[in-house]
Amino acid sequence: MRFLAIALALIAVFSSPAWAREAKTTYFGVYLKSAKLGNLTLTRDDGAERDGQPAVKTESKMRLLLSVLGKGSELKSDTTTWADPRSGTPLASESRSESSGRATTVRATYEARAVRFRADIQGTVKEGRFELKDGETFLTEPGAGVPLRPEAGKRRFGKIFLVDALQLVDTEQLVEGPQPLTLGKTALLAFKLTETNALSPGVYFLSERGELLSARVALGLELRRETKEIALAAPIGPLPELSLLIGAAPTGVALTEPRTLREARYELDGVTRPLPASDDIQQITRDGSLVTVNIATGPLPRSGGRLYPTPELAPEPLRPFLRSTAYVGSDDPEFRALARAVLGGEKDAAQVARKLATFVHDAIRPDASIPALRTARDINADRRGVCRDYTTYFTALARAAGLPTKQCVGLAYVDGLFVYHAWPEVWVGEGRWVALEPTWGMPFADATHLKLAEGEITDIFRVAADIGSYKIRVVSAR
């Protein structure tokens, strides 16, 4: 759930007027469907220093109480950022988030044309560096930079380093207005700033001096500027469900035996994000806002396919799905040893996939009390979780064994609803990917699995903006 901090952090860019020179604190309530989840506190110091140089410093403290599958959990996220006071160029950032005893810290330092980072994700350390290409610039990092007065029609393009996804993404910011806005019982005029990128889109409403008034971010969350007393007051009553399981009831043909379906056709409306390219499992066609999805799936073959002990031995298109990542530490000796123990010398790719899927299903206990996006190492140490944990754990073992594996995020049909779900796909040779279902212990991911993103588990961020907006019609199923 750390991706929430990305969307929320952006508001600090416009959180105080340009004329402010003393540290100023502002308070926001965080709401879902008019029910309060927590608060966000921002403290900005325009007279700070960083490495002996003048800097604008912003401290963000967010506290949320979440309900996931009926289980409550607290999310804490603290971020400090520094920016050049003249240009707004990001200089550095430090962030820490914690939920259910899992902590992640990310430190980033900006150079003229690059950003370096060091992340400690629940004990797994990842370091990296991203460089800008010719003609590219850094936009003001979320939570940093010189306050900007909104200008109607102003459009900015650039790159932003998103600490939660550890990615450098293309971003557009567009200002519109002024337009009417009601904040509490007060009617006023506000400028609308739309932030567009692949992972953390949001809409922000600003005063004419650049002060944030309210915002709408991922998962339908809303921020409202409030007095300190109101913002910091504890939520009252039951918490609304904040979960990727919030889905859509389909129309059209009834899905009477969903777990056995091998072929299906759907019409999907409400998709605002790019979908994965068509492949041998899922074919996509698009007509305006309406997307047609044809799915053909089935179980693993009895045998077939080879393993690749290192990514370099695989064909180029498969190499990304064999590499170790921050969340999937497949090159860790503990996963290589565990994969060998589970497989017992098995070298056939189809049989390897089958054995690992069975092992993962049996090893993990279903438990929705840990909302944090977890590493495979953390899952191995505490074998409980939800679909994304099953998928991450399977992927680490499969890649450690040399089996190319994608992590897929999308929708699957359960008890009358298409709910948000994660599952793996494996390569078993002869140009064929097969979708598996280790979470449910099924022999394959049936044709009710609509893939919205693929690659790594962090691609879950790509679907967050559309959560709750889909309309699905079942055209055919068999």
Protein backbone atom coordinates (compact mmCIF):
# COMPACT_ATOMS: atom_id res chain seq x y z
CA MET A 1 0.00 0.00 0.00
CA ARG A 2 3.00 2.35 -0.12
CA PHE A 3 1.91 3.70 -3.49
CA LEU A 4 -0.66 5.84 -1.63
CA ALA A 5 2.21 7.97 -0.36
CA ILE A 6 3.29 8.81 -3.93
CA ALA A 7 -0.02 10.37 -4.83
CA LEU A 8 -0.42 12.14 -1.51
CA ALA A 9 3.10 13.55 -1.45
CA LEU A 10 2.62 15.67 -4.59
CA ILE A 11 0.43 18.13 -2.75
CA ALA A 12 3.39 19.59 -0.90
CA VAL A 13 4.57 21.15 -4.17
CA PHE A 14 1.65 23.60 -3.95
CA SER A 15 1.08 23.60 -0.20
CA SER A 16 2.09 27.18 0.60
CA PRO A 17 2.12 30.54 -1.19
CA ALA A 18 5.23 31.84 -2.92
CA TRP A 19 5.64 34.74 -0.50
CA ALA A 20 6.04 32.51 2.59
CA ARG A 21 9.50 32.53 4.16
CA GLU A 22 8.85 30.97 7.56
CA ALA A 23 8.11 27.33 8.29
CA LYS A 24 4.40 26.76 7.93
CA THR A 25 2.28 23.74 8.85
CA THR A 26 -0.96 22.80 7.14
CA TYR A 27 -3.35 19.94 7.92
CA PHE A 28 -5.53 17.69 5.79
CA GLY A 29 -8.12 15.03 6.52
CA VAL A 30 -7.97 11.91 4.33
CA TYR A 31 -11.33 10.44 3.33
CA LEU A 32 -12.81 7.54 1.37
CA LYS A 33 -16.49 7.75 0.39
CA SER A 34 -16.95 10.56 2.95
CA ALA A 35 -15.58 8.36 5.75
CA LYS A 36 -12.39 9.54 7.41
CA LEU A 37 -9.28 7.32 7.21
CA GLY A 38 -6.66 9.60 8.76
CA ASN A 39 -4.68 12.76 8.20
CA LEU A 40 -1.73 14.36 6.48
CA THR A 41 0.46 17.06 8.07
CA LEU A 42 2.79 19.21 5.96
CA THR A 43 5.51 21.47 7.32
CA ARG A 44 7.40 23.65 4.86
CA ASP A 45 10.58 25.66 5.52
CA ASP A 46 11.65 28.00 2.72
CA GLY A 47 14.78 29.05 4.64
CA ALA A 48 16.40 25.63 5.10
CA GLU A 49 19.78 24.35 3.88
CA ARG A 50 21.02 21.17 2.23
CA ASP A 51 24.76 20.43 2.20
CA GLY A 52 25.45 24.07 3.03
CA GLN A 53 23.29 25.41 0.21
CA PRO A 54 19.92 27.20 0.50
CA ALA A 55 16.99 24.81 0.08
CA VAL A 56 13.24 24.52 0.44
CA LYS A 57 12.49 21.72 2.90
CA THR A 58 9.12 20.00 3.19
CA GLU A 59 8.19 17.39 5.80
CA SER A 60 5.12 15.23 5.21
CA LYS A 61 3.59 12.97 7.86
CA MET A 62 0.67 10.75 6.91
CA ARG A 63 -1.31 8.43 9.18
CA LEU A 64 -4.06 6.20 7.81
CA LEU A 65 -6.24 3.52 9.39
CA LEU A 66 -7.05 0.94 6.71
CA SER A 67 -9.57 -1.87 6.53
CA VAL A 68 -8.53 -4.67 4.17
CA LEU A 69 -10.88 -7.65 3.92
CA GLY A 70 -12.35 -6.61 7.25
CA LYS A 71 -8.99 -6.42 9.06
CA GLY A 72 -7.72 -3.08 10.37
CA SER A 73 -4.16 -1.85 9.92
CA GLU A 74 -2.30 1.45 10.35
CA LEU A 75 -0.13 2.94 7.62
CA LYS A 76 2.53 5.50 8.57
CA SER A 77 4.45 7.42 5.92
CA ASP A 78 7.02 10.17 6.59
CA THR A 79 8.82 12.02 3.79
CA THR A 80 11.35 14.86 3.83
CA THR A 81 12.34 16.58 0.60
CA TRP A 82 14.73 19.37 -0.37
CA ALA A 83 14.62 21.55 -3.50
CA ASP A 84 16.55 24.43 -4.97
CA PRO A 85 14.74 27.64 -3.89
CA ARG A 86 15.32 29.40 -7.21
CA SER A 87 14.55 26.74 -9.83
CA GLY A 88 12.52 24.23 -7.85
CA THR A 89 14.87 21.45 -9.00
CA PRO A 90 14.77 18.50 -6.59
CA LEU A 91 17.93 18.05 -4.54
CA ALA A 92 17.22 15.07 -2.29
CA SER A 93 14.49 13.11 -0.53
CA GLU A 94 14.19 10.69 2.37
CA SER A 95 11.08 8.60 2.98
CA ARG A 96 9.98 5.90 5.40
CA SER A 97 6.72 3.97 5.43
CA GLU A 98 5.59 1.33 7.90
CA SER A 99 2.62 -1.02 8.10
CA SER A 100 2.10 -4.23 10.10
CA GLY A 101 5.71 -4.09 11.29
CA ARG A 102 7.09 -3.86 7.73
CA ALA A 103 9.25 -0.80 7.09
CA THR A 104 10.63 0.61 3.84
CA THR A 105 13.06 3.51 3.51
CA VAL A 106 14.19 5.22 0.30
CA ARG A 107 16.87 7.89 0.00
CA ALA A 108 17.35 9.74 -3.28
CA THR A 109 20.01 12.29 -4.30
CA TYR A 110 19.79 14.34 -7.48
CA GLU A 111 22.65 15.28 -9.74
CA ALA A 112 22.49 17.61 -12.75
CA ARG A 113 21.24 14.89 -15.11
CA ALA A 114 20.61 11.89 -12.88
CA VAL A 115 19.11 10.62 -9.64
CA ARG A 116 20.70 8.04 -7.35
CA PHE A 117 18.70 6.02 -4.83
CA ARG A 118 19.15 3.51 -2.06
CA ALA A 119 16.10 1.57 -0.88
CA ASP A 120 15.75 -0.76 2.09
CA ILE A 121 12.54 -2.69 1.48
CA GLN A 122 11.78 -4.78 4.55
CA GLY A 123 15.47 -5.64 4.87
CA THR A 124 16.15 -6.07 1.14
CA VAL A 125 18.55 -3.38 -0.13
CA LYS A 126 18.33 -2.04 -3.68
CA GLU A 127 20.55 0.67 -5.17
CA GLY A 128 20.32 2.31 -8.57
CA ARG A 129 20.79 5.35 -10.77
CA PHE A 130 18.59 6.85 -13.50
CA GLU A 131 19.91 9.29 -16.10
CA LEU A 132 17.92 11.81 -18.10
CA LYS A 133 18.06 11.57 -21.88
CA ASP A 134 18.79 14.56 -24.11
CA GLY A 135 15.99 17.08 -23.89
CA GLU A 136 14.52 15.66 -20.67
CA THR A 137 14.27 17.55 -17.38
CA PHE A 138 13.24 16.74 -13.83
CA LEU A 139 9.89 18.05 -12.77
CA THR A 140 9.62 19.18 -9.19
CA GLU A 141 9.75 16.01 -7.11
CA PRO A 142 6.53 15.21 -5.21
CA GLY A 143 6.75 17.03 -1.88
CA ALA A 144 9.49 19.47 -2.91
CA GLY A 145 10.18 22.56 -4.99
CA VAL A 146 9.34 26.25 -5.03
CA PRO A 147 5.62 26.99 -4.56
CA LEU A 148 4.03 27.95 -7.85
CA ARG A 149 1.07 30.22 -8.41
CA PRO A 150 -1.35 28.40 -10.74
CA GLU A 151 -1.68 29.77 -14.29
CA ALA A 152 -4.71 28.64 -16.28
CA GLY A 153 -3.60 26.72 -19.35
CA LYS A 154 -0.10 26.11 -17.97
CA ARG A 155 1.22 22.71 -19.06
CA ARG A 156 4.49 21.17 -17.89
CA PHE A 157 6.25 17.95 -18.96
CA GLY A 158 9.15 16.14 -17.34
CA LYS A 159 10.40 13.17 -15.35
CA ILE A 160 9.56 12.36 -11.74
CA PHE A 161 11.29 9.72 -9.63
CA LEU A 162 8.60 7.77 -7.78
CA VAL A 163 10.18 6.38 -4.63
CA ASP A 164 7.56 3.67 -4.04
CA ALA A 165 7.96 2.10 -7.48
CA LEU A 166 11.69 2.98 -7.80
CA GLN A 167 10.99 4.22 -11.32
CA LEU A 168 11.56 7.38 -13.32
CA VAL A 169 8.30 8.16 -15.13
CA ASP A 170 7.08 10.63 -17.74
CA THR A 171 4.73 13.15 -16.14
CA GLU A 172 2.43 15.92 -17.35
CA GLN A 173 0.92 18.67 -15.17
CA LEU A 174 -1.96 20.76 -16.52
CA VAL A 175 -3.62 23.73 -14.76
CA GLU A 176 -7.24 24.71 -15.51
CA GLY A 177 -9.66 27.19 -13.99
CA PRO A 178 -10.61 28.94 -11.91
CA GLN A 179 -13.76 26.92 -11.20
CA PRO A 180 -16.25 26.55 -8.30
CA LEU A 181 -15.22 24.32 -5.37
CA THR A 182 -17.04 23.59 -2.13
CA LEU A 183 -14.79 22.90 0.84
CA GLY A 184 -16.82 21.94 3.86
CA LYS A 185 -19.55 24.58 3.95
CA THR A 186 -17.49 27.17 2.08
CA ALA A 187 -17.94 27.90 -1.63
CA LEU A 188 -14.89 29.35 -3.40
CA LEU A 189 -12.98 29.40 -6.68
CA ALA A 190 -10.04 27.09 -7.27
CA PHE A 191 -7.57 26.13 -9.96
CA LYS A 192 -7.54 22.48 -11.00
CA LEU A 193 -4.16 20.81 -11.48
CA THR A 194 -4.22 17.42 -13.19
CA GLU A 195 -1.16 15.22 -12.71
CA THR A 196 -0.87 12.51 -15.38
CA ASN A 197 1.58 9.62 -15.50
CA ALA A 198 1.46 5.83 -15.64
CA LEU A 199 1.66 5.18 -11.91
CA SER A 200 0.38 8.01 -9.71
CA PRO A 201 -2.20 10.26 -11.39
CA GLY A 202 -4.17 12.73 -9.31
CA VAL A 203 -6.31 15.87 -9.38
CA TYR A 204 -5.48 18.80 -7.08
CA PHE A 205 -7.43 21.99 -6.36
CA LEU A 206 -5.41 25.13 -5.54
CA SER A 207 -6.12 28.65 -4.40
CA GLU A 208 -4.97 31.58 -6.52
CA ARG A 209 -1.84 31.77 -4.34
CA GLY A 210 -0.94 28.14 -4.96
CA GLU A 211 -2.20 26.75 -1.65
CA LEU A 212 -3.68 23.27 -1.77
CA LEU A 213 -7.39 23.11 -0.93
CA SER A 214 -8.28 19.51 -1.75
CA ALA A 215 -7.18 16.55 -3.88
CA ARG A 216 -8.45 13.30 -5.39
CA VAL A 217 -5.86 10.54 -5.67
CA ALA A 218 -5.61 6.76 -6.18
CA LEU A 219 -8.29 4.37 -4.86
CA GLY A 220 -10.83 7.18 -4.64
CA LEU A 221 -9.11 8.86 -1.69
CA GLU A 222 -9.86 12.53 -1.09
CA LEU A 223 -7.81 15.10 0.83
CA ARG A 224 -9.45 18.13 2.40
CA ARG A 225 -7.64 21.04 4.00
CA GLU A 226 -8.94 21.45 7.56
CA THR A 227 -8.13 23.01 10.88
CA LYS A 228 -5.58 21.18 13.02
CA GLU A 229 -8.26 20.06 15.47
CA ILE A 230 -10.53 18.57 12.82
CA ALA A 231 -7.77 17.02 10.72
CA LEU A 232 -6.04 15.27 13.64
CA ALA A 233 -9.27 13.98 15.20
CA ALA A 234 -9.53 10.19 15.10
CA PRO A 235 -11.92 8.54 12.60
CA ILE A 236 -15.39 7.85 13.98
CA GLY A 237 -17.37 4.70 13.23
CA PRO A 238 -16.43 1.71 11.06
CA LEU A 239 -13.71 2.18 8.47
CA PRO A 240 -14.67 1.88 4.81
CA GLU A 241 -13.11 -1.04 2.96
CA LEU A 242 -9.88 0.02 1.23
CA SER A 243 -8.86 -2.98 -0.79
CA LEU A 244 -7.89 -4.08 -4.26
CA LEU A 245 -10.75 -6.56 -3.92
CA ILE A 246 -13.27 -3.82 -4.64
CA GLY A 247 -14.60 -4.87 -8.03
CA ALA A 248 -17.48 -4.81 -10.48
CA ALA A 249 -20.58 -6.95 -11.03
CA PRO A 250 -20.73 -8.03 -14.70
CA THR A 251 -23.68 -7.93 -17.05
CA GLY A 252 -24.39 -10.17 -20.03
CA VAL A 253 -23.86 -13.94 -20.10
CA ALA A 254 -23.93 -15.63 -16.67
CA LEU A 255 -20.68 -17.19 -15.44
CA THR A 256 -21.99 -20.41 -13.91
CA GLU A 257 -18.75 -22.43 -13.62
CA PRO A 258 -16.00 -19.81 -13.68
CA ARG A 259 -13.13 -22.01 -12.48
CA THR A 260 -13.42 -24.31 -15.50
CA LEU A 261 -13.73 -21.67 -18.23
CA ARG A 262 -11.12 -21.83 -20.99
CA GLU A 263 -12.46 -19.23 -23.41
CA ALA A 264 -14.35 -15.98 -22.87
CA ARG A 265 -15.06 -12.65 -24.48
CA TYR A 266 -15.70 -9.41 -22.58
CA GLU A 267 -16.48 -5.77 -23.24
CA LEU A 268 -14.72 -3.56 -20.72
CA ASP A 269 -15.52 0.13 -20.22
CA GLY A 270 -13.89 2.66 -17.88
CA VAL A 271 -10.27 1.83 -18.77
CA THR A 272 -8.08 4.94 -18.68
CA ARG A 273 -4.67 3.24 -18.51
CA PRO A 274 -2.76 1.43 -21.30
CA LEU A 275 -3.37 -2.35 -21.23
CA PRO A 276 -0.76 -5.05 -21.94
CA ALA A 277 -0.08 -5.89 -25.58
CA SER A 278 -2.09 -8.78 -27.02
CA ASP A 279 -0.51 -12.21 -26.58
CA ASP A 280 -1.42 -15.88 -26.98
CA ILE A 281 -3.60 -15.78 -23.82
CA GLN A 282 -5.33 -12.42 -24.13
CA GLN A 283 -6.27 -10.47 -27.26
CA ILE A 284 -7.18 -6.77 -26.93
CA THR A 285 -9.05 -4.51 -29.34
CA ARG A 286 -10.11 -0.96 -28.54
CA ASP A 287 -12.83 1.29 -29.92
CA GLY A 288 -12.77 4.60 -28.08
CA SER A 289 -13.42 3.92 -24.39
CA LEU A 290 -14.72 0.40 -25.07
CA VAL A 291 -12.20 -2.45 -24.86
CA THR A 292 -12.93 -5.95 -26.15
CA VAL A 293 -10.96 -8.72 -24.43
CA ASN A 294 -10.75 -12.27 -25.80
CA ILE A 295 -9.18 -14.82 -23.46
CA ALA A 296 -8.08 -18.37 -24.27
CA THR A 297 -6.34 -20.25 -21.47
CA GLY A 298 -5.76 -23.75 -20.15
CA PRO A 299 -3.58 -25.94 -17.93
CA LEU A 300 0.11 -26.65 -18.24
CA PRO A 301 1.17 -29.29 -20.75
CA ARG A 302 2.33 -32.59 -19.28
CA SER A 303 5.88 -31.72 -20.23
CA GLY A 304 7.86 -29.25 -22.29
CA GLY A 305 10.17 -26.27 -22.10
CA ARG A 306 13.66 -25.74 -20.77
CA LEU A 307 15.11 -23.85 -17.83
CA TYR A 308 17.68 -21.04 -18.02
CA PRO A 309 20.20 -21.06 -15.15
CA THR A 310 21.03 -17.38 -15.82
CA PRO A 311 19.10 -14.66 -17.70
CA GLU A 312 21.94 -14.34 -20.23
CA LEU A 313 21.30 -17.91 -21.48
CA ALA A 314 17.69 -17.10 -22.39
CA PRO A 315 16.45 -15.44 -25.58
CA GLU A 316 16.42 -11.64 -25.23
CA PRO A 317 12.60 -11.29 -24.88
CA LEU A 318 12.60 -13.67 -21.88
CA ARG A 319 15.47 -12.13 -19.94
CA PRO A 320 13.43 -9.50 -18.06
CA PHE A 321 11.30 -12.32 -16.61
CA LEU A 322 14.33 -14.12 -15.17
CA ARG A 323 15.99 -11.19 -13.44
CA SER A 324 16.11 -10.52 -9.73
CA THR A 325 14.35 -7.33 -8.58
CA ALA A 326 13.84 -5.38 -5.38
CA TYR A 327 10.71 -7.39 -4.51
CA VAL A 328 11.67 -10.66 -6.22
CA GLY A 329 15.14 -11.58 -4.96
CA SER A 330 15.46 -14.67 -7.12
CA ASP A 331 19.26 -14.57 -7.07
CA ASP A 332 19.25 -14.82 -3.26
CA PRO A 333 20.90 -18.09 -2.13
CA GLU A 334 17.89 -18.89 0.09
CA PHE A 335 15.57 -19.03 -2.92
CA ARG A 336 17.97 -21.00 -5.08
CA ALA A 337 18.35 -23.53 -2.27
CA LEU A 338 14.62 -23.70 -1.60
CA ALA A 339 13.83 -24.16 -5.30
CA ARG A 340 16.31 -27.05 -5.51
CA ALA A 341 14.78 -28.66 -2.43
CA VAL A 342 11.24 -28.38 -3.80
CA LEU A 343 12.10 -29.57 -7.31
CA GLY A 344 14.43 -32.44 -6.45
CA GLY A 345 16.39 -32.19 -9.68
CA GLU A 346 13.38 -31.68 -12.00
CA LYS A 347 14.44 -29.93 -15.24
CA ASP A 348 11.26 -29.96 -17.33
CA ALA A 349 9.78 -26.42 -17.32
CA ALA A 350 6.14 -27.55 -17.21
CA GLN A 351 6.77 -29.92 -14.31
CA VAL A 352 8.82 -27.27 -12.49
CA ALA A 353 5.91 -24.82 -12.76
CA ARG A 354 3.43 -27.43 -11.53
CA LYS A 355 5.54 -28.41 -8.50
CA LEU A 356 6.24 -24.81 -7.50
CA ALA A 357 2.58 -23.81 -7.81
CA THR A 358 1.56 -26.66 -5.52
CA PHE A 359 4.31 -25.83 -3.03
CA VAL A 360 3.41 -22.12 -2.88
CA HIS A 361 -0.31 -22.82 -2.46
CA ASP A 362 0.39 -25.19 0.43
CA ALA A 363 3.13 -23.04 2.03
CA ILE A 364 1.25 -19.74 2.41
CA ARG A 365 -1.66 -19.23 4.79
CA PRO A 366 -4.37 -16.81 3.59
CA ASP A 367 -4.21 -13.61 5.70
CA ALA A 368 -5.20 -10.09 4.67
CA SER A 369 -3.80 -8.33 7.75
CA ILE A 370 -0.59 -7.14 6.03
CA PRO A 371 -1.49 -4.40 3.51
CA ALA A 372 2.15 -3.57 2.66
CA LEU A 373 3.58 -4.59 -0.70
CA ARG A 374 6.01 -7.27 0.48
CA THR A 375 9.28 -8.72 -0.76
CA ALA A 376 9.67 -12.43 -1.43
CA ARG A 377 12.21 -12.56 1.37
CA ASP A 378 9.67 -11.18 3.88
CA ILE A 379 7.03 -13.62 2.62
CA ASN A 380 9.41 -16.55 3.02
CA ALA A 381 10.08 -15.51 6.62
CA ASP A 382 6.36 -15.07 7.40
CA ARG A 383 4.35 -17.29 5.07
CA ARG A 384 0.94 -15.67 5.09
CA GLY A 385 -0.70 -13.16 2.80
CA VAL A 386 -2.96 -12.49 -0.17
CA CYS A 387 -2.81 -13.07 -3.93
CA ARG A 388 0.04 -10.64 -4.56
CA ASP A 389 2.12 -12.43 -1.90
CA TYR A 390 1.47 -15.84 -3.46
CA THR A 391 2.43 -14.40 -6.84
CA THR A 392 5.61 -12.72 -5.59
CA TYR A 393 6.71 -15.85 -3.72
CA PHE A 394 6.05 -18.11 -6.72
CA THR A 395 7.94 -15.75 -9.04
CA ALA A 396 11.02 -15.67 -6.81
CA LEU A 397 11.20 -19.48 -6.69
CA ALA A 398 10.44 -19.90 -10.39
CA ARG A 399 13.07 -17.40 -11.53
CA ALA A 400 15.55 -18.91 -9.10
CA ALA A 401 14.93 -22.25 -10.86
CA GLY A 402 15.43 -20.65 -14.29
CA LEU A 403 11.77 -20.52 -15.30
CA PRO A 404 10.75 -17.24 -17.02
CA THR A 405 7.84 -15.79 -15.03
CA LYS A 406 5.63 -12.70 -15.30
CA GLN A 407 3.61 -11.23 -12.46
CA CYS A 408 0.13 -10.26 -13.67
CA VAL A 409 -2.33 -7.86 -12.07
CA GLY A 410 -5.96 -7.57 -13.12
CA LEU A 411 -9.47 -8.82 -12.46
CA ALA A 412 -10.83 -12.29 -11.68
CA TYR A 413 -14.39 -13.46 -11.08
CA VAL A 414 -15.34 -14.47 -7.52
CA ASP A 415 -18.82 -14.78 -5.97
CA GLY A 416 -20.57 -12.62 -8.52
CA LEU A 417 -17.91 -9.89 -8.81
CA PHE A 418 -14.81 -9.23 -10.85
CA VAL A 419 -12.31 -8.45 -8.08
CA TYR A 420 -8.73 -7.19 -8.21
CA HIS A 421 -6.29 -10.08 -8.25
CA ALA A 422 -2.71 -11.13 -9.03
CA TRP A 423 -1.35 -14.32 -10.61
CA PRO A 424 1.79 -15.53 -12.46
CA GLU A 425 2.39 -16.56 -16.06
CA VAL A 426 5.21 -18.96 -16.96
CA TRP A 427 7.03 -19.70 -20.20
CA VAL A 428 6.98 -23.40 -21.14
CA GLY A 429 8.53 -23.21 -24.58
CA GLU A 430 7.16 -23.33 -28.13
CA GLY A 431 6.16 -19.67 -27.94
CA ARG A 432 3.71 -20.32 -25.14
CA TRP A 433 2.92 -18.58 -21.86
CA VAL A 434 0.61 -20.34 -19.39
CA ALA A 435 -1.32 -18.49 -16.65
CA LEU A 436 -1.32 -20.23 -13.24
CA GLU A 437 -3.40 -19.83 -10.07
CA PRO A 438 -1.29 -20.74 -7.00
CA THR A 439 -3.44 -18.59 -4.68
CA TRP A 440 -6.54 -20.71 -5.21
CA GLY A 441 -4.72 -24.00 -5.86
CA MET A 442 -6.25 -24.40 -9.31
CA PRO A 443 -4.49 -26.10 -12.26
CA PHE A 444 -4.63 -22.89 -14.34
CA ALA A 445 -5.86 -19.31 -14.27
CA ASP A 446 -9.28 -19.64 -15.88
CA ALA A 447 -10.73 -17.38 -18.57
CA THR A 448 -12.27 -14.98 -16.03
CA HIS A 449 -8.75 -13.60 -15.38
CA LEU A 450 -8.56 -10.24 -17.21
CA LYS A 451 -4.96 -9.02 -17.27
CA LEU A 452 -4.58 -5.25 -16.81
CA ALA A 453 -0.79 -5.09 -16.23
CA GLU A 454 2.10 -7.53 -16.42
CA GLY A 455 5.77 -7.80 -15.61
CA GLU A 456 6.48 -7.08 -11.93
CA ILE A 457 4.31 -6.84 -8.83
CA THR A 458 4.93 -3.07 -8.72
CA ASP A 459 2.77 -2.85 -11.85
CA ILE A 460 -0.11 -2.95 -9.38
CA PHE A 461 0.41 0.84 -9.30
CA ARG A 462 -0.64 1.01 -12.95
CA VAL A 463 -4.19 -0.16 -12.24
CA ALA A 464 -4.79 1.86 -9.05
CA ALA A 465 -6.18 4.87 -10.88
CA ASP A 466 -9.02 2.82 -12.44
CA ILE A 467 -10.05 0.93 -9.32
CA GLY A 468 -13.81 0.96 -8.93
CA SER A 469 -14.49 2.46 -12.38
CA TYR A 470 -14.81 -0.62 -14.59
CA LYS A 471 -17.99 -1.80 -16.28
CA ILE A 472 -17.85 -5.36 -17.61
CA ARG A 473 -20.18 -7.18 -19.99
CA VAL A 474 -19.70 -10.90 -20.60
CA VAL A 475 -20.24 -11.51 -24.31
CA SER A 476 -19.51 -15.24 -24.33
CA ALA A 477 -17.94 -17.88 -22.07
CA ARG A 478 -17.25 -21.60 -22.38
